[in-house]
Amino acid sequence: MSEQPVPIVLFPTTHEQENPTFHVEASVADAFLEFLKEKGFSAWEPPQKIEKIGPDHRRVIELRLEPETSQDSLEDLLGQFLSLHKLT
């Protein structure tokens, strides 16, 4: 029995990447964007389709947030969304 691939991955900021970034499977991207808006978060730039395809050939969307967005709050929101939509 194999595990389900995680539909959303949060990449933290680094010295090269100032914006926290999510890679979101296209199938849940709209719901995740709406969830973030409801929680008062918005994208730093419009979501971008990534040429790279995720596990099982699923299309992935890149979503960058404001540079000052707290990593801890994003991890918490990600957990809430995954739990709410039973994706864990």
PDB file of N, CA and C in Angstrom:
ATOM      1  N   MET A   1       0.837  -1.172   0.000  1.00  0.00           N
ATOM      2  CA  MET A   1       0.000   0.000   0.000  1.00  0.00           C
ATOM      3  C   MET A   1       0.890   1.246   0.000  1.00  0.00           C
ATOM      4  N   SER A   2       0.759   2.117  -0.997  1.00  0.00           N
ATOM      5  CA  SER A   2       1.602   3.301  -1.087  1.00  0.00           C
ATOM      6  C   SER A   2       0.882   4.522  -0.520  1.00  0.00           C
ATOM      7  N   GLU A   3       1.684   5.481  -0.064  1.00  0.00           N
ATOM      8  CA  GLU A   3       1.126   6.707   0.477  1.00  0.00           C
ATOM      9  C   GLU A   3       0.696   7.625  -0.652  1.00  0.00           C
ATOM     10  N   GLN A   4      -0.326   8.448  -0.359  1.00  0.00           N
ATOM     11  CA  GLN A   4      -0.762   9.463  -1.300  1.00  0.00           C
ATOM     12  C   GLN A   4       0.315  10.543  -1.379  1.00  0.00           C
ATOM     13  N   PRO A   5       0.624  11.041  -2.562  1.00  0.00           N
ATOM     14  CA  PRO A   5       1.549  12.164  -2.637  1.00  0.00           C
ATOM     15  C   PRO A   5       0.904  13.400  -2.005  1.00  0.00           C
ATOM     16  N   VAL A   6       1.710  14.220  -1.374  1.00  0.00           N
ATOM     17  CA  VAL A   6       1.208  15.440  -0.751  1.00  0.00           C
ATOM     18  C   VAL A   6       0.872  16.439  -1.860  1.00  0.00           C
ATOM     19  N   PRO A   7      -0.359  16.992  -1.867  1.00  0.00           N
ATOM     20  CA  PRO A   7      -0.762  17.874  -2.959  1.00  0.00           C
ATOM     21  C   PRO A   7      -0.205  19.292  -2.865  1.00  0.00           C
ATOM     22  N   ILE A   8       0.367  19.650  -1.698  1.00  0.00           N
ATOM     23  CA  ILE A   8       0.912  20.996  -1.509  1.00  0.00           C
ATOM     24  C   ILE A   8       2.227  20.885  -0.744  1.00  0.00           C
ATOM     25  N   VAL A   9       3.239  21.567  -1.255  1.00  0.00           N
ATOM     26  CA  VAL A   9       4.541  21.586  -0.588  1.00  0.00           C
ATOM     27  C   VAL A   9       4.913  23.046  -0.342  1.00  0.00           C
ATOM     28  N   LEU A  10       5.348  23.353   0.877  1.00  0.00           N
ATOM     29  CA  LEU A  10       5.795  24.700   1.226  1.00  0.00           C
ATOM     30  C   LEU A  10       7.318  24.737   1.208  1.00  0.00           C
ATOM     31  N   PHE A  11       7.871  25.637   0.401  1.00  0.00           N
ATOM     32  CA  PHE A  11       9.313  25.841   0.356  1.00  0.00           C
ATOM     33  C   PHE A  11       9.638  27.088   1.172  1.00  0.00           C
ATOM     34  N   PRO A  12      10.502  26.966   2.156  1.00  0.00           N
ATOM     35  CA  PRO A  12      10.833  28.120   2.999  1.00  0.00           C
ATOM     36  C   PRO A  12      11.720  29.123   2.267  1.00  0.00           C
ATOM     37  N   THR A  13      11.839  30.287   2.869  1.00  0.00           N
ATOM     38  CA  THR A  13      12.734  31.292   2.308  1.00  0.00           C
ATOM     39  C   THR A  13      14.184  30.878   2.544  1.00  0.00           C
ATOM     40  N   THR A  14      15.042  31.356   1.664  1.00  0.00           N
ATOM     41  CA  THR A  14      16.488  31.137   1.784  1.00  0.00           C
ATOM     42  C   THR A  14      17.175  32.448   1.413  1.00  0.00           C
ATOM     43  N   HIS A  15      18.489  32.457   1.419  1.00  0.00           N
ATOM     44  CA  HIS A  15      19.204  33.666   1.001  1.00  0.00           C
ATOM     45  C   HIS A  15      19.002  33.944  -0.492  1.00  0.00           C
ATOM     46  N   GLU A  16      18.614  32.935  -1.257  1.00  0.00           N
ATOM     47  CA  GLU A  16      18.371  33.101  -2.691  1.00  0.00           C
ATOM     48  C   GLU A  16      16.893  33.308  -3.015  1.00  0.00           C
ATOM     49  N   GLN A  17      16.020  32.862  -2.144  1.00  0.00           N
ATOM     50  CA  GLN A  17      14.576  32.920  -2.376  1.00  0.00           C
ATOM     51  C   GLN A  17      13.929  33.655  -1.210  1.00  0.00           C
ATOM     52  N   GLU A  18      13.561  34.924  -1.416  1.00  0.00           N
ATOM     53  CA  GLU A  18      13.017  35.744  -0.335  1.00  0.00           C
ATOM     54  C   GLU A  18      11.549  35.466  -0.042  1.00  0.00           C
ATOM     55  N   ASN A  19      10.843  34.942  -1.004  1.00  0.00           N
ATOM     56  CA  ASN A  19       9.412  34.716  -0.834  1.00  0.00           C
ATOM     57  C   ASN A  19       9.130  33.271  -0.460  1.00  0.00           C
ATOM     58  N   PRO A  20       8.314  33.049   0.589  1.00  0.00           N
ATOM     59  CA  PRO A  20       7.864  31.680   0.828  1.00  0.00           C
ATOM     60  C   PRO A  20       7.028  31.239  -0.374  1.00  0.00           C
ATOM     61  N   THR A  21       7.216  30.008  -0.797  1.00  0.00           N
ATOM     62  CA  THR A  21       6.594  29.526  -2.029  1.00  0.00           C
ATOM     63  C   THR A  21       5.920  28.183  -1.802  1.00  0.00           C
ATOM     64  N   PHE A  22       4.706  28.063  -2.318  1.00  0.00           N
ATOM     65  CA  PHE A  22       3.995  26.793  -2.318  1.00  0.00           C
ATOM     66  C   PHE A  22       4.028  26.221  -3.726  1.00  0.00           C
ATOM     67  N   HIS A  23       4.193  24.910  -3.834  1.00  0.00           N
ATOM     68  CA  HIS A  23       3.920  24.194  -5.072  1.00  0.00           C
ATOM     69  C   HIS A  23       2.641  23.419  -4.799  1.00  0.00           C
ATOM     70  N   VAL A  24       1.623  23.700  -5.603  1.00  0.00           N
ATOM     71  CA  VAL A  24       0.275  23.189  -5.359  1.00  0.00           C
ATOM     72  C   VAL A  24      -0.201  22.428  -6.587  1.00  0.00           C
ATOM     73  N   GLU A  25      -0.705  21.218  -6.373  1.00  0.00           N
ATOM     74  CA  GLU A  25      -1.284  20.487  -7.502  1.00  0.00           C
ATOM     75  C   GLU A  25      -2.463  21.288  -8.040  1.00  0.00           C
ATOM     76  N   ALA A  26      -2.557  21.351  -9.353  1.00  0.00           N
ATOM     77  CA  ALA A  26      -3.603  22.139  -9.998  1.00  0.00           C
ATOM     78  C   ALA A  26      -5.000  21.749  -9.527  1.00  0.00           C
ATOM     79  N   SER A  27      -5.191  20.486  -9.188  1.00  0.00           N
ATOM     80  CA  SER A  27      -6.522  20.014  -8.781  1.00  0.00           C
ATOM     81  C   SER A  27      -7.022  20.660  -7.492  1.00  0.00           C
ATOM     82  N   VAL A  28      -6.122  21.170  -6.653  1.00  0.00           N
ATOM     83  CA  VAL A  28      -6.540  21.819  -5.399  1.00  0.00           C
ATOM     84  C   VAL A  28      -6.131  23.293  -5.351  1.00  0.00           C
ATOM     85  N   ALA A  29      -5.539  23.806  -6.416  1.00  0.00           N
ATOM     86  CA  ALA A  29      -4.999  25.169  -6.409  1.00  0.00           C
ATOM     87  C   ALA A  29      -6.067  26.224  -6.150  1.00  0.00           C
ATOM     88  N   ASP A  30      -7.205  26.149  -6.833  1.00  0.00           N
ATOM     89  CA  ASP A  30      -8.251  27.159  -6.643  1.00  0.00           C
ATOM     90  C   ASP A  30      -8.774  27.158  -5.211  1.00  0.00           C
ATOM     91  N   ALA A  31      -9.015  25.979  -4.666  1.00  0.00           N
ATOM     92  CA  ALA A  31      -9.511  25.878  -3.289  1.00  0.00           C
ATOM     93  C   ALA A  31      -8.470  26.405  -2.307  1.00  0.00           C
ATOM     94  N   PHE A  32      -7.202  26.128  -2.548  1.00  0.00           N
ATOM     95  CA  PHE A  32      -6.148  26.597  -1.650  1.00  0.00           C
ATOM     96  C   PHE A  32      -6.005  28.117  -1.726  1.00  0.00           C
ATOM     97  N   LEU A  33      -6.059  28.678  -2.928  1.00  0.00           N
ATOM     98  CA  LEU A  33      -5.998  30.133  -3.079  1.00  0.00           C
ATOM     99  C   LEU A  33      -7.156  30.807  -2.352  1.00  0.00           C
ATOM    100  N   GLU A  34      -8.344  30.264  -2.490  1.00  0.00           N
ATOM    101  CA  GLU A  34      -9.523  30.816  -1.812  1.00  0.00           C
ATOM    102  C   GLU A  34      -9.354  30.725  -0.299  1.00  0.00           C
ATOM    103  N   PHE A  35      -8.850  29.607   0.184  1.00  0.00           N
ATOM    104  CA  PHE A  35      -8.610  29.415   1.616  1.00  0.00           C
ATOM    105  C   PHE A  35      -7.627  30.471   2.130  1.00  0.00           C
ATOM    106  N   LEU A  36      -6.538  30.695   1.403  1.00  0.00           N
ATOM    107  CA  LEU A  36      -5.560  31.700   1.815  1.00  0.00           C
ATOM    108  C   LEU A  36      -6.179  33.094   1.852  1.00  0.00           C
ATOM    109  N   LYS A  37      -7.001  33.422   0.848  1.00  0.00           N
ATOM    110  CA  LYS A  37      -7.671  34.729   0.821  1.00  0.00           C
ATOM    111  C   LYS A  37      -8.577  34.900   2.028  1.00  0.00           C
ATOM    112  N   GLU A  38      -9.329  33.846   2.365  1.00  0.00           N
ATOM    113  CA  GLU A  38     -10.219  33.903   3.529  1.00  0.00           C
ATOM    114  C   GLU A  38      -9.439  34.152   4.813  1.00  0.00           C
ATOM    115  N   LYS A  39      -8.190  33.700   4.852  1.00  0.00           N
ATOM    116  CA  LYS A  39      -7.345  33.859   6.039  1.00  0.00           C
ATOM    117  C   LYS A  39      -6.523  35.150   5.995  1.00  0.00           C
ATOM    118  N   GLY A  40      -6.731  35.957   4.956  1.00  0.00           N
ATOM    119  CA  GLY A  40      -6.050  37.248   4.870  1.00  0.00           C
ATOM    120  C   GLY A  40      -4.706  37.238   4.176  1.00  0.00           C
ATOM    121  N   PHE A  41      -4.404  36.187   3.437  1.00  0.00           N
ATOM    122  CA  PHE A  41      -3.140  36.090   2.712  1.00  0.00           C
ATOM    123  C   PHE A  41      -3.402  36.221   1.217  1.00  0.00           C
ATOM    124  N   SER A  42      -2.473  36.840   0.523  1.00  0.00           N
ATOM    125  CA  SER A  42      -2.620  36.943  -0.926  1.00  0.00           C
ATOM    126  C   SER A  42      -1.286  36.639  -1.596  1.00  0.00           C
ATOM    127  N   ALA A  43      -1.371  36.313  -2.858  1.00  0.00           N
ATOM    128  CA  ALA A  43      -0.173  35.985  -3.627  1.00  0.00           C
ATOM    129  C   ALA A  43       0.640  37.250  -3.876  1.00  0.00           C
ATOM    130  N   TRP A  44       1.942  37.107  -3.871  1.00  0.00           N
ATOM    131  CA  TRP A  44       2.845  38.211  -4.158  1.00  0.00           C
ATOM    132  C   TRP A  44       2.828  38.523  -5.653  1.00  0.00           C
ATOM    133  N   GLU A  45       2.605  37.502  -6.443  1.00  0.00           N
ATOM    134  CA  GLU A  45       2.478  37.620  -7.891  1.00  0.00           C
ATOM    135  C   GLU A  45       1.470  36.566  -8.340  1.00  0.00           C
ATOM    136  N   PRO A  46       0.908  36.707  -9.538  1.00  0.00           N
ATOM    137  CA  PRO A  46      -0.075  35.709  -9.980  1.00  0.00           C
ATOM    138  C   PRO A  46       0.509  34.297  -9.961  1.00  0.00           C
ATOM    139  N   PRO A  47      -0.313  33.308  -9.598  1.00  0.00           N
ATOM    140  CA  PRO A  47       0.159  31.914  -9.614  1.00  0.00           C
ATOM    141  C   PRO A  47       0.681  31.543 -11.006  1.00  0.00           C
ATOM    142  N   GLN A  48       1.730  30.730 -11.032  1.00  0.00           N
ATOM    143  CA  GLN A  48       2.374  30.332 -12.281  1.00  0.00           C
ATOM    144  C   GLN A  48       2.309  28.822 -12.455  1.00  0.00           C
ATOM    145  N   LYS A  49       1.969  28.386 -13.665  1.00  0.00           N
ATOM    146  CA  LYS A  49       2.086  26.957 -13.969  1.00  0.00           C
ATOM    147  C   LYS A  49       3.568  26.645 -14.101  1.00  0.00           C
ATOM    148  N   ILE A  50       3.966  25.536 -13.531  1.00  0.00           N
ATOM    149  CA  ILE A  50       5.363  25.123 -13.600  1.00  0.00           C
ATOM    150  C   ILE A  50       5.499  24.101 -14.721  1.00  0.00           C
ATOM    151  N   GLU A  51       6.537  24.242 -15.501  1.00  0.00           N
ATOM    152  CA  GLU A  51       6.761  23.296 -16.593  1.00  0.00           C
ATOM    153  C   GLU A  51       6.968  21.886 -16.067  1.00  0.00           C
ATOM    154  N   LYS A  52       7.617  21.814 -14.916  1.00  0.00           N
ATOM    155  CA  LYS A  52       7.847  20.522 -14.281  1.00  0.00           C
ATOM    156  C   LYS A  52       6.497  19.955 -13.832  1.00  0.00           C
ATOM    157  N   ILE A  53       6.348  18.660 -13.937  1.00  0.00           N
ATOM    158  CA  ILE A  53       5.114  18.001 -13.515  1.00  0.00           C
ATOM    159  C   ILE A  53       5.395  17.228 -12.242  1.00  0.00           C
ATOM    160  N   GLY A  54       4.444  17.239 -11.336  1.00  0.00           N
ATOM    161  CA  GLY A  54       4.612  16.583 -10.044  1.00  0.00           C
ATOM    162  C   GLY A  54       4.480  15.073 -10.124  1.00  0.00           C
ATOM    163  N   PRO A  55       4.392  14.440  -8.943  1.00  0.00           N
ATOM    164  CA  PRO A  55       4.240  12.982  -8.889  1.00  0.00           C
ATOM    165  C   PRO A  55       3.014  12.523  -9.686  1.00  0.00           C
ATOM    166  N   ASP A  56       3.112  11.398 -10.283  1.00  0.00           N
ATOM    167  CA  ASP A  56       2.007  10.834 -11.068  1.00  0.00           C
ATOM    168  C   ASP A  56       1.571  11.751 -12.208  1.00  0.00           C
ATOM    169  N   HIS A  57       2.493  12.553 -12.705  1.00  0.00           N
ATOM    170  CA  HIS A  57       2.242  13.440 -13.851  1.00  0.00           C
ATOM    171  C   HIS A  57       1.140  14.459 -13.580  1.00  0.00           C
ATOM    172  N   ARG A  58       1.065  14.941 -12.361  1.00  0.00           N
ATOM    173  CA  ARG A  58       0.068  15.955 -12.012  1.00  0.00           C
ATOM    174  C   ARG A  58       0.661  17.343 -12.240  1.00  0.00           C
ATOM    175  N   ARG A  59      -0.138  18.227 -12.802  1.00  0.00           N
ATOM    176  CA  ARG A  59       0.294  19.602 -13.066  1.00  0.00           C
ATOM    177  C   ARG A  59       0.471  20.339 -11.740  1.00  0.00           C
ATOM    178  N   VAL A  60       1.521  21.152 -11.639  1.00  0.00           N
ATOM    179  CA  VAL A  60       1.838  21.870 -10.404  1.00  0.00           C
ATOM    180  C   VAL A  60       1.812  23.379 -10.659  1.00  0.00           C
ATOM    181  N   ILE A  61       1.239  24.105  -9.708  1.00  0.00           N
ATOM    182  CA  ILE A  61       1.171  25.558  -9.744  1.00  0.00           C
ATOM    183  C   ILE A  61       2.119  26.103  -8.674  1.00  0.00           C
ATOM    184  N   GLU A  62       2.878  27.145  -9.017  1.00  0.00           N
ATOM    185  CA  GLU A  62       3.747  27.794  -8.035  1.00  0.00           C
ATOM    186  C   GLU A  62       3.047  29.042  -7.521  1.00  0.00           C
ATOM    187  N   LEU A  63       3.000  29.186  -6.208  1.00  0.00           N
ATOM    188  CA  LEU A  63       2.345  30.315  -5.566  1.00  0.00           C
ATOM    189  C   LEU A  63       3.333  30.969  -4.603  1.00  0.00           C
ATOM    190  N   ARG A  64       3.725  32.194  -4.913  1.00  0.00           N
ATOM    191  CA  ARG A  64       4.654  32.936  -4.049  1.00  0.00           C
ATOM    192  C   ARG A  64       3.862  33.925  -3.207  1.00  0.00           C
ATOM    193  N   LEU A  65       4.231  33.998  -1.924  1.00  0.00           N
ATOM    194  CA  LEU A  65       3.579  34.925  -1.010  1.00  0.00           C
ATOM    195  C   LEU A  65       4.526  36.064  -0.655  1.00  0.00           C
ATOM    196  N   GLU A  66       4.000  37.071   0.035  1.00  0.00           N
ATOM    197  CA  GLU A  66       4.790  38.230   0.443  1.00  0.00           C
ATOM    198  C   GLU A  66       6.025  37.786   1.228  1.00  0.00           C
ATOM    199  N   PRO A  67       7.168  38.441   1.003  1.00  0.00           N
ATOM    200  CA  PRO A  67       8.404  38.037   1.682  1.00  0.00           C
ATOM    201  C   PRO A  67       8.311  38.018   3.204  1.00  0.00           C
ATOM    202  N   GLU A  68       7.561  38.940   3.798  1.00  0.00           N
ATOM    203  CA  GLU A  68       7.505  39.014   5.261  1.00  0.00           C
ATOM    204  C   GLU A  68       6.528  38.023   5.892  1.00  0.00           C
ATOM    205  N   THR A  69       5.901  37.184   5.099  1.00  0.00           N
ATOM    206  CA  THR A  69       4.945  36.215   5.627  1.00  0.00           C
ATOM    207  C   THR A  69       5.660  35.191   6.506  1.00  0.00           C
ATOM    208  N   SER A  70       5.137  34.974   7.701  1.00  0.00           N
ATOM    209  CA  SER A  70       5.747  34.067   8.674  1.00  0.00           C
ATOM    210  C   SER A  70       5.670  32.610   8.223  1.00  0.00           C
ATOM    211  N   GLN A  71       6.807  31.937   8.270  1.00  0.00           N
ATOM    212  CA  GLN A  71       6.878  30.516   7.918  1.00  0.00           C
ATOM    213  C   GLN A  71       5.970  29.689   8.831  1.00  0.00           C
ATOM    214  N   ASP A  72       5.988  30.000  10.128  1.00  0.00           N
ATOM    215  CA  ASP A  72       5.161  29.254  11.085  1.00  0.00           C
ATOM    216  C   ASP A  72       3.680  29.380  10.767  1.00  0.00           C
ATOM    217  N   SER A  73       3.229  30.598  10.424  1.00  0.00           N
ATOM    218  CA  SER A  73       1.809  30.772  10.116  1.00  0.00           C
ATOM    219  C   SER A  73       1.436  30.042   8.828  1.00  0.00           C
ATOM    220  N   LEU A  74       2.351  29.996   7.862  1.00  0.00           N
ATOM    221  CA  LEU A  74       2.071  29.273   6.616  1.00  0.00           C
ATOM    222  C   LEU A  74       2.005  27.768   6.851  1.00  0.00           C
ATOM    223  N   GLU A  75       2.891  27.254   7.686  1.00  0.00           N
ATOM    224  CA  GLU A  75       2.840  25.826   8.015  1.00  0.00           C
ATOM    225  C   GLU A  75       1.529  25.488   8.717  1.00  0.00           C
ATOM    226  N   ASP A  76       1.085  26.365   9.612  1.00  0.00           N
ATOM    227  CA  ASP A  76      -0.180  26.168  10.314  1.00  0.00           C
ATOM    228  C   ASP A  76      -1.354  26.189   9.334  1.00  0.00           C
ATOM    229  N   LEU A  77      -1.366  27.174   8.432  1.00  0.00           N
ATOM    230  CA  LEU A  77      -2.438  27.259   7.436  1.00  0.00           C
ATOM    231  C   LEU A  77      -2.450  26.044   6.517  1.00  0.00           C
ATOM    232  N   LEU A  78      -1.275  25.593   6.125  1.00  0.00           N
ATOM    233  CA  LEU A  78      -1.188  24.406   5.272  1.00  0.00           C
ATOM    234  C   LEU A  78      -1.800  23.208   5.984  1.00  0.00           C
ATOM    235  N   GLY A  79      -1.457  23.019   7.253  1.00  0.00           N
ATOM    236  CA  GLY A  79      -2.032  21.925   8.037  1.00  0.00           C
ATOM    237  C   GLY A  79      -3.542  22.026   8.150  1.00  0.00           C
ATOM    238  N   GLN A  80      -4.049  23.243   8.378  1.00  0.00           N
ATOM    239  CA  GLN A  80      -5.497  23.449   8.463  1.00  0.00           C
ATOM    240  C   GLN A  80      -6.179  23.070   7.151  1.00  0.00           C
ATOM    241  N   PHE A  81      -5.610  23.527   6.033  1.00  0.00           N
ATOM    242  CA  PHE A  81      -6.209  23.247   4.727  1.00  0.00           C
ATOM    243  C   PHE A  81      -6.217  21.751   4.429  1.00  0.00           C
ATOM    244  N   LEU A  82      -5.084  21.095   4.657  1.00  0.00           N
ATOM    245  CA  LEU A  82      -4.998  19.659   4.380  1.00  0.00           C
ATOM    246  C   LEU A  82      -5.979  18.878   5.241  1.00  0.00           C
ATOM    247  N   SER A  83      -6.121  19.263   6.500  1.00  0.00           N
ATOM    248  CA  SER A  83      -7.052  18.594   7.406  1.00  0.00           C
ATOM    249  C   SER A  83      -8.499  18.850   6.988  1.00  0.00           C
ATOM    250  N   LEU A  84      -8.810  20.105   6.682  1.00  0.00           N
ATOM    251  CA  LEU A  84     -10.160  20.489   6.276  1.00  0.00           C
ATOM    252  C   LEU A  84     -10.619  19.717   5.040  1.00  0.00           C
ATOM    253  N   HIS A  85      -9.716  19.526   4.107  1.00  0.00           N
ATOM    254  CA  HIS A  85     -10.045  18.846   2.851  1.00  0.00           C
ATOM    255  C   HIS A  85      -9.670  17.364   2.865  1.00  0.00           C
ATOM    256  N   LYS A  86      -9.305  16.867   4.053  1.00  0.00           N
ATOM    257  CA  LYS A  86      -8.972  15.447   4.244  1.00  0.00           C
ATOM    258  C   LYS A  86      -7.913  14.973   3.246  1.00  0.00           C
ATOM    259  N   LEU A  87      -6.834  15.747   3.151  1.00  0.00           N
ATOM    260  CA  LEU A  87      -5.747  15.442   2.218  1.00  0.00           C
ATOM    261  C   LEU A  87      -4.510  14.909   2.924  1.00  0.00           C
ATOM    262  N   THR A  88      -4.636  14.598   4.216  1.00  0.00           N
ATOM    263  CA  THR A  88      -3.490  14.063   4.951  1.00  0.00           C
ATOM    264  C   THR A  88      -3.716  12.617   5.284  1.00  0.00           C
TER     265      THR A  88
END
